[in-house]
């Protein structure tokens, strides 16, 4: 198992982030913008207390970024299943649990953490991730590969969200 933590700051208070995450078009726009050609929302529930999202999306695979041993198994796209649950536990705190599974591969990532409004108009998300593979021999290599890809995807996700929030302010949709 590989464990890592990410911390990401957002130029928005928790109410604004909640409103953004609570829009069904947000995950669709995000993943299409990040290279997916297909996003299928299987479940989208948003209330004042809980946001639940289950979706499948494809992600482009760059074989040049893969180790030699993994290139033989790689397709041009990988189908990913996402399951996310955010729970509003206070006016300045949200807890979350996320699961990302590449369909057909014996590896998964599980994240838990929180988003906290640190000052008016600023929030920080901290997620603790565990990546596990169910392979006795190549498991550690697969965990490392998926962890590296996940970190890059989380950085791209963060950049998209910051831009989305900034565009919403510019458009007067804050």
C-alpha atoms as a PDB file:
ATOM      1  CA  UNK A   1       0.000   0.000   0.000  1.00  0.00           C
ATOM      2  CA  UNK A   2       1.156   3.522  -0.788  1.00  0.00           C
ATOM      3  CA  UNK A   3      -0.081   6.442   1.297  1.00  0.00           C
ATOM      4  CA  UNK A   4       0.167  10.144   0.576  1.00  0.00           C
ATOM      5  CA  UNK A   5      -1.543  13.392   1.535  1.00  0.00           C
ATOM      6  CA  UNK A   6      -2.504  16.324  -0.645  1.00  0.00           C
ATOM      7  CA  UNK A   7      -3.265  19.861   0.521  1.00  0.00           C
ATOM      8  CA  UNK A   8      -4.926  22.234  -1.915  1.00  0.00           C
ATOM      9  CA  UNK A   9      -5.999  25.830  -1.339  1.00  0.00           C
ATOM     10  CA  UNK A  10      -9.028  27.320  -3.055  1.00  0.00           C
ATOM     11  CA  UNK A  11      -9.834  31.020  -3.556  1.00  0.00           C
ATOM     12  CA  UNK A  12     -13.385  30.508  -2.309  1.00  0.00           C
ATOM     13  CA  UNK A  13     -15.235  30.107   0.927  1.00  0.00           C
ATOM     14  CA  UNK A  14     -16.952  26.872   1.749  1.00  0.00           C
ATOM     15  CA  UNK A  15     -20.406  28.059   0.659  1.00  0.00           C
ATOM     16  CA  UNK A  16     -19.064  28.839  -2.820  1.00  0.00           C
ATOM     17  CA  UNK A  17     -17.196  25.552  -3.068  1.00  0.00           C
ATOM     18  CA  UNK A  18     -20.303  23.665  -1.938  1.00  0.00           C
ATOM     19  CA  UNK A  19     -22.396  25.412  -4.576  1.00  0.00           C
ATOM     20  CA  UNK A  20     -19.790  24.570  -7.232  1.00  0.00           C
ATOM     21  CA  UNK A  21     -19.469  20.900  -6.258  1.00  0.00           C
ATOM     22  CA  UNK A  22     -23.278  20.720  -6.072  1.00  0.00           C
ATOM     23  CA  UNK A  23     -23.743  21.434  -9.799  1.00  0.00           C
ATOM     24  CA  UNK A  24     -24.040  18.336 -12.010  1.00  0.00           C
ATOM     25  CA  UNK A  25     -22.375  20.143 -14.911  1.00  0.00           C
ATOM     26  CA  UNK A  26     -19.228  20.761 -12.832  1.00  0.00           C
ATOM     27  CA  UNK A  27     -17.779  17.193 -12.896  1.00  0.00           C
ATOM     28  CA  UNK A  28     -18.766  16.761 -16.539  1.00  0.00           C
ATOM     29  CA  UNK A  29     -17.051  20.014 -17.576  1.00  0.00           C
ATOM     30  CA  UNK A  30     -14.039  19.219 -15.408  1.00  0.00           C
ATOM     31  CA  UNK A  31     -13.313  15.788 -16.802  1.00  0.00           C
ATOM     32  CA  UNK A  32     -14.037  16.740 -20.413  1.00  0.00           C
ATOM     33  CA  UNK A  33     -11.674  19.683 -19.984  1.00  0.00           C
ATOM     34  CA  UNK A  34      -9.023  17.339 -18.568  1.00  0.00           C
ATOM     35  CA  UNK A  35      -9.074  15.033 -21.600  1.00  0.00           C
ATOM     36  CA  UNK A  36     -11.960  12.629 -21.101  1.00  0.00           C
ATOM     37  CA  UNK A  37     -14.039  11.944 -24.177  1.00  0.00           C
ATOM     38  CA  UNK A  38     -16.813  10.336 -22.193  1.00  0.00           C
ATOM     39  CA  UNK A  39     -18.294  11.136 -18.768  1.00  0.00           C
ATOM     40  CA  UNK A  40     -21.265   9.152 -17.490  1.00  0.00           C
ATOM     41  CA  UNK A  41     -22.897  10.446 -14.298  1.00  0.00           C
ATOM     42  CA  UNK A  42     -24.372   7.361 -12.635  1.00  0.00           C
ATOM     43  CA  UNK A  43     -25.496   9.195  -9.491  1.00  0.00           C
ATOM     44  CA  UNK A  44     -25.618  12.858  -8.600  1.00  0.00           C
ATOM     45  CA  UNK A  45     -27.295  13.935  -5.366  1.00  0.00           C
ATOM     46  CA  UNK A  46     -26.786  17.345  -3.830  1.00  0.00           C
ATOM     47  CA  UNK A  47     -28.445  18.834  -0.777  1.00  0.00           C
ATOM     48  CA  UNK A  48     -27.440  21.317   1.886  1.00  0.00           C
ATOM     49  CA  UNK A  49     -25.796  18.488   3.871  1.00  0.00           C
ATOM     50  CA  UNK A  50     -24.522  15.879   1.391  1.00  0.00           C
ATOM     51  CA  UNK A  51     -23.134  15.742  -2.134  1.00  0.00           C
ATOM     52  CA  UNK A  52     -22.818  12.267  -3.648  1.00  0.00           C
ATOM     53  CA  UNK A  53     -21.375  11.614  -7.082  1.00  0.00           C
ATOM     54  CA  UNK A  54     -20.733   8.375  -8.899  1.00  0.00           C
ATOM     55  CA  UNK A  55     -19.397   8.556 -12.385  1.00  0.00           C
ATOM     56  CA  UNK A  56     -17.443   6.707 -15.016  1.00  0.00           C
ATOM     57  CA  UNK A  57     -15.044   8.513 -17.288  1.00  0.00           C
ATOM     58  CA  UNK A  58     -12.298   7.652 -19.642  1.00  0.00           C
ATOM     59  CA  UNK A  59      -8.824   9.070 -19.236  1.00  0.00           C
ATOM     60  CA  UNK A  60      -6.225   9.290 -21.977  1.00  0.00           C
ATOM     61  CA  UNK A  61      -3.158   7.112 -21.430  1.00  0.00           C
ATOM     62  CA  UNK A  62       0.237   8.389 -22.558  1.00  0.00           C
ATOM     63  CA  UNK A  63       2.381   5.269 -23.045  1.00  0.00           C
ATOM     64  CA  UNK A  64       5.531   7.397 -22.905  1.00  0.00           C
ATOM     65  CA  UNK A  65       4.798   8.131 -19.238  1.00  0.00           C
ATOM     66  CA  UNK A  66       4.479   4.447 -18.391  1.00  0.00           C
ATOM     67  CA  UNK A  67       7.289   2.134 -17.355  1.00  0.00           C
ATOM     68  CA  UNK A  68       8.264  -0.379 -20.015  1.00  0.00           C
ATOM     69  CA  UNK A  69       6.566  -3.296 -18.218  1.00  0.00           C
ATOM     70  CA  UNK A  70       3.201  -1.459 -18.179  1.00  0.00           C
ATOM     71  CA  UNK A  71       3.138  -0.457 -21.861  1.00  0.00           C
ATOM     72  CA  UNK A  72       2.164  -3.957 -22.977  1.00  0.00           C
ATOM     73  CA  UNK A  73      -1.019  -3.759 -20.862  1.00  0.00           C
ATOM     74  CA  UNK A  74      -1.982  -0.168 -21.669  1.00  0.00           C
ATOM     75  CA  UNK A  75      -4.724   0.930 -24.014  1.00  0.00           C
ATOM     76  CA  UNK A  76      -5.056   4.464 -25.377  1.00  0.00           C
ATOM     77  CA  UNK A  77      -7.745   5.152 -22.748  1.00  0.00           C
ATOM     78  CA  UNK A  78      -8.499   3.866 -19.269  1.00  0.00           C
ATOM     79  CA  UNK A  79     -12.038   3.731 -17.880  1.00  0.00           C
ATOM     80  CA  UNK A  80     -12.161   5.051 -14.314  1.00  0.00           C
ATOM     81  CA  UNK A  81     -14.977   4.733 -11.797  1.00  0.00           C
ATOM     82  CA  UNK A  82     -15.268   7.567  -9.248  1.00  0.00           C
ATOM     83  CA  UNK A  83     -17.349   7.533  -6.099  1.00  0.00           C
ATOM     84  CA  UNK A  84     -17.392  10.692  -3.989  1.00  0.00           C
ATOM     85  CA  UNK A  85     -19.310  11.660  -0.874  1.00  0.00           C
ATOM     86  CA  UNK A  86     -18.991  15.081   0.760  1.00  0.00           C
ATOM     87  CA  UNK A  87     -20.780  15.770   4.040  1.00  0.00           C
ATOM     88  CA  UNK A  88     -21.273  19.266   5.479  1.00  0.00           C
ATOM     89  CA  UNK A  89     -20.447  18.877   9.181  1.00  0.00           C
ATOM     90  CA  UNK A  90     -20.370  22.555  10.115  1.00  0.00           C
ATOM     91  CA  UNK A  91     -20.435  26.049   8.635  1.00  0.00           C
ATOM     92  CA  UNK A  92     -16.680  25.961   8.001  1.00  0.00           C
ATOM     93  CA  UNK A  93     -16.001  22.218   7.542  1.00  0.00           C
ATOM     94  CA  UNK A  94     -16.848  19.469   5.082  1.00  0.00           C
ATOM     95  CA  UNK A  95     -15.652  15.879   5.307  1.00  0.00           C
ATOM     96  CA  UNK A  96     -15.187  13.682   2.277  1.00  0.00           C
ATOM     97  CA  UNK A  97     -14.530  10.178   1.103  1.00  0.00           C
ATOM     98  CA  UNK A  98     -13.437   9.362  -2.432  1.00  0.00           C
ATOM     99  CA  UNK A  99     -12.790   6.128  -4.281  1.00  0.00           C
ATOM    100  CA  UNK A 100     -11.168   5.899  -7.718  1.00  0.00           C
ATOM    101  CA  UNK A 101     -10.900   2.552  -9.454  1.00  0.00           C
ATOM    102  CA  UNK A 102      -9.480   1.872 -12.908  1.00  0.00           C
ATOM    103  CA  UNK A 103     -11.991  -0.586 -14.358  1.00  0.00           C
ATOM    104  CA  UNK A 104     -10.422  -3.958 -15.086  1.00  0.00           C
ATOM    105  CA  UNK A 105      -7.225  -3.360 -13.103  1.00  0.00           C
ATOM    106  CA  UNK A 106      -6.491  -4.756  -9.638  1.00  0.00           C
ATOM    107  CA  UNK A 107      -5.722  -1.380  -8.047  1.00  0.00           C
ATOM    108  CA  UNK A 108      -7.792   1.280  -6.309  1.00  0.00           C
ATOM    109  CA  UNK A 109      -7.316   4.585  -4.530  1.00  0.00           C
ATOM    110  CA  UNK A 110      -9.241   5.555  -1.416  1.00  0.00           C
ATOM    111  CA  UNK A 111      -9.129   9.091  -0.047  1.00  0.00           C
ATOM    112  CA  UNK A 112     -10.558  10.605   3.130  1.00  0.00           C
ATOM    113  CA  UNK A 113     -10.243  14.112   4.421  1.00  0.00           C
ATOM    114  CA  UNK A 114     -11.830  17.498   4.821  1.00  0.00           C
ATOM    115  CA  UNK A 115     -12.265  20.933   3.361  1.00  0.00           C
ATOM    116  CA  UNK A 116     -11.975  23.716   5.898  1.00  0.00           C
ATOM    117  CA  UNK A 117     -12.707  27.407   5.380  1.00  0.00           C
ATOM    118  CA  UNK A 118      -9.465  28.938   6.640  1.00  0.00           C
ATOM    119  CA  UNK A 119     -10.412  32.597   6.200  1.00  0.00           C
ATOM    120  CA  UNK A 120     -13.327  34.392   4.590  1.00  0.00           C
ATOM    121  CA  UNK A 121     -13.093  33.542   0.898  1.00  0.00           C
ATOM    122  CA  UNK A 122     -10.388  30.862   1.266  1.00  0.00           C
ATOM    123  CA  UNK A 123     -10.603  27.122   1.855  1.00  0.00           C
ATOM    124  CA  UNK A 124      -8.088  24.308   2.179  1.00  0.00           C
ATOM    125  CA  UNK A 125      -8.721  20.697   1.223  1.00  0.00           C
ATOM    126  CA  UNK A 126      -6.635  17.949   2.824  1.00  0.00           C
ATOM    127  CA  UNK A 127      -7.058  14.390   1.571  1.00  0.00           C
ATOM    128  CA  UNK A 128      -5.205  11.330   2.819  1.00  0.00           C
ATOM    129  CA  UNK A 129      -4.908   8.707   0.098  1.00  0.00           C
ATOM    130  CA  UNK A 130      -4.224   4.987   0.174  1.00  0.00           C
ATOM    131  CA  UNK A 131      -3.469   3.173  -3.067  1.00  0.00           C
ATOM    132  CA  UNK A 132      -3.665  -0.625  -3.001  1.00  0.00           C
ATOM    133  CA  UNK A 133      -3.118  -3.263  -5.634  1.00  0.00           C
ATOM    134  CA  UNK A 134      -4.234  -6.864  -5.389  1.00  0.00           C
ATOM    135  CA  UNK A 135      -1.216  -8.377  -7.095  1.00  0.00           C
ATOM    136  CA  UNK A 136       1.350 -10.416  -5.205  1.00  0.00           C
ATOM    137  CA  UNK A 137       4.329  -9.830  -7.513  1.00  0.00           C
ATOM    138  CA  UNK A 138       3.810  -6.561  -9.419  1.00  0.00           C
ATOM    139  CA  UNK A 139       1.521  -4.959  -6.831  1.00  0.00           C
ATOM    140  CA  UNK A 140       4.016  -2.423  -5.483  1.00  0.00           C
ATOM    141  CA  UNK A 141       4.943  -1.268  -8.994  1.00  0.00           C
ATOM    142  CA  UNK A 142       1.278  -0.908  -9.921  1.00  0.00           C
ATOM    143  CA  UNK A 143       0.587   1.046  -6.709  1.00  0.00           C
ATOM    144  CA  UNK A 144       3.471   3.399  -7.470  1.00  0.00           C
ATOM    145  CA  UNK A 145       2.352   3.919 -11.051  1.00  0.00           C
ATOM    146  CA  UNK A 146      -1.261   4.611 -10.063  1.00  0.00           C
ATOM    147  CA  UNK A 147      -0.155   6.887  -7.187  1.00  0.00           C
ATOM    148  CA  UNK A 148       1.989   8.948  -9.563  1.00  0.00           C
ATOM    149  CA  UNK A 149      -0.863   9.225 -12.080  1.00  0.00           C
ATOM    150  CA  UNK A 150      -3.329  10.093  -9.326  1.00  0.00           C
ATOM    151  CA  UNK A 151      -1.134  12.899  -7.978  1.00  0.00           C
ATOM    152  CA  UNK A 152      -0.890  14.407 -11.459  1.00  0.00           C
ATOM    153  CA  UNK A 153      -4.649  14.070 -11.957  1.00  0.00           C
ATOM    154  CA  UNK A 154      -5.345  15.705  -8.583  1.00  0.00           C
ATOM    155  CA  UNK A 155      -3.098  18.638  -9.522  1.00  0.00           C
ATOM    156  CA  UNK A 156      -4.942  19.027 -12.838  1.00  0.00           C
ATOM    157  CA  UNK A 157      -8.297  18.729 -11.037  1.00  0.00           C
ATOM    158  CA  UNK A 158      -7.255  21.473  -8.605  1.00  0.00           C
ATOM    159  CA  UNK A 159      -6.098  23.773 -11.423  1.00  0.00           C
ATOM    160  CA  UNK A 160      -9.409  23.259 -13.228  1.00  0.00           C
ATOM    161  CA  UNK A 161     -11.431  24.014 -10.088  1.00  0.00           C
ATOM    162  CA  UNK A 162      -9.475  27.202  -9.330  1.00  0.00           C
ATOM    163  CA  UNK A 163     -10.011  28.346 -12.931  1.00  0.00           C
ATOM    164  CA  UNK A 164     -13.700  27.399 -12.764  1.00  0.00           C
ATOM    165  CA  UNK A 165     -14.116  29.484  -9.610  1.00  0.00           C
ATOM    166  CA  UNK A 166     -12.287  32.430 -11.169  1.00  0.00           C
ATOM    167  CA  UNK A 167     -14.378  32.234 -14.367  1.00  0.00           C
ATOM    168  CA  UNK A 168     -17.554  32.175 -12.240  1.00  0.00           C
ATOM    169  CA  UNK A 169     -16.474  35.398 -10.514  1.00  0.00           C
ATOM    170  CA  UNK A 170     -15.672  37.033 -13.845  1.00  0.00           C
ATOM    171  CA  UNK A 171     -19.049  35.961 -15.219  1.00  0.00           C
ATOM    172  CA  UNK A 172     -20.795  37.265 -12.097  1.00  0.00           C
ATOM    173  CA  UNK A 173     -21.880  33.772 -11.047  1.00  0.00           C
ATOM    174  CA  UNK A 174     -20.076  33.793  -7.695  1.00  0.00           C
END
